[in-house]
Protein backbone atom coordinates (compact mmCIF):
# COMPACT_ATOMS: atom_id res chain seq x y z
CA MET A 1 -9.51 330.13 143.33
CA PRO A 2 -12.58 328.04 141.84
CA SER A 3 -12.56 324.35 142.92
CA HIS A 4 -11.24 321.49 140.58
CA GLU A 5 -15.75 320.58 140.13
CA ASN A 6 -16.26 323.91 138.16
CA THR A 7 -13.19 324.41 135.68
CA ALA A 8 -14.76 323.05 132.90
CA ASP A 9 -18.39 325.22 133.61
CA LEU A 10 -15.88 328.09 133.73
CA VAL A 11 -13.96 327.33 130.94
CA ARG A 12 -16.73 326.39 128.72
CA ASP A 13 -19.10 329.76 129.63
CA PHE A 14 -15.95 332.22 129.06
CA ILE A 15 -15.57 330.22 125.55
CA SER A 16 -19.53 330.45 124.86
CA THR A 17 -20.09 333.94 126.30
CA ASP A 18 -16.92 336.04 125.71
CA LEU A 19 -14.65 334.44 122.72
CA LEU A 20 -17.81 333.23 120.95
CA ASN A 21 -20.11 336.04 121.64
CA GLY A 22 -22.94 333.05 122.35
CA GLN A 23 -23.24 332.13 118.78
CA VAL A 24 -21.90 328.66 119.23
CA ASN A 25 -22.73 326.28 121.72
CA ILE A 26 -20.07 323.92 122.11
CA ASP A 27 -19.27 320.85 124.88
CA ASP A 28 -16.36 319.48 126.69
CA GLN A 29 -15.10 317.80 123.65
CA THR A 30 -15.46 319.88 120.88
CA SER A 31 -12.47 320.99 118.64
CA LEU A 32 -11.94 324.72 118.90
CA PHE A 33 -9.12 324.89 116.37
CA GLN A 34 -10.42 322.48 114.14
CA ALA A 35 -13.86 323.98 114.18
CA ARG A 36 -11.55 327.00 113.63
CA LEU A 37 -13.85 328.49 116.65
CA ILE A 38 -10.85 330.26 117.85
CA ASP A 39 -8.04 332.76 116.56
CA SER A 40 -4.83 333.78 118.08
CA MET A 41 -6.14 337.17 119.78
CA ASN A 42 -9.22 334.47 121.25
CA LEU A 43 -6.37 332.33 122.22
CA VAL A 44 -4.43 335.14 123.84
CA HIS A 45 -7.46 336.04 126.26
CA LEU A 46 -8.01 332.46 126.58
CA LEU A 47 -4.58 332.71 128.61
CA ALA A 48 -5.21 335.55 130.10
CA PHE A 49 -8.51 334.22 131.25
CA LEU A 50 -6.80 331.25 132.71
CA GLU A 51 -4.08 332.85 134.50
CA SER A 52 -6.01 335.14 136.15
CA THR A 53 -9.31 333.12 137.27
CA PHE A 54 -7.11 330.26 138.18
CA ALA A 55 -4.76 332.34 139.99
CA ILE A 56 -1.73 330.24 137.43
CA LYS A 57 0.89 331.02 135.32
CA ILE A 58 1.24 328.90 131.70
CA PRO A 59 4.35 327.88 130.58
CA THR A 60 5.17 329.10 127.09
CA SER A 61 5.85 325.32 126.88
CA GLU A 62 2.57 324.37 127.63
CA VAL A 63 0.92 326.28 124.89
CA ASN A 64 0.24 324.27 122.45
CA VAL A 65 -3.31 322.73 120.84
CA GLY A 66 -2.89 319.63 123.07
CA ASN A 67 -3.56 321.16 125.78
CA LEU A 68 -6.05 324.11 124.21
CA ASP A 69 -8.20 322.38 121.80
CA THR A 70 -11.33 321.41 124.37
CA VAL A 71 -12.98 322.76 127.28
CA GLU A 72 -11.51 319.03 128.75
CA SER A 73 -7.70 319.20 127.67
CA ILE A 74 -7.83 322.80 128.88
CA GLU A 75 -9.19 321.61 132.40
CA ARG A 76 -6.62 319.24 132.30
CA LEU A 77 -4.14 321.88 131.85
CA VAL A 78 -5.14 323.66 134.36
CA ARG A 79 -4.82 321.21 137.25
CA LYS A 80 -1.55 320.05 136.08
CA VAL A 81 -0.10 323.48 136.32
CA ARG A 82 -2.01 324.24 139.82
CA SER A 83 0.09 320.79 140.93
C-alpha cells in the first residue's frame, strides 16, 4: 500500500494522466469540479482508482464534492478512510 507521503503524487498523476489525458496541469488545490475538469464518468474511474490503489472502500456518504474536489481533499479522504 502506498505511503502517506506519495498519496498526493499518485492521485495527482492519475488525474492528470488518466483522467485529463495530460492536457491540463493541476496542483493540489486545483478545484476539479469548479474548473469542470472532472465529470461523473471520471468520478467513477477516480473512485475505482482510489479503492484499488489504496486498498480502501470509500463509503457512499463520503462521496461528495468536499471530499473529492482537490488532490488535497482526496488525500485527506484517503487518510480518513484508512484509519
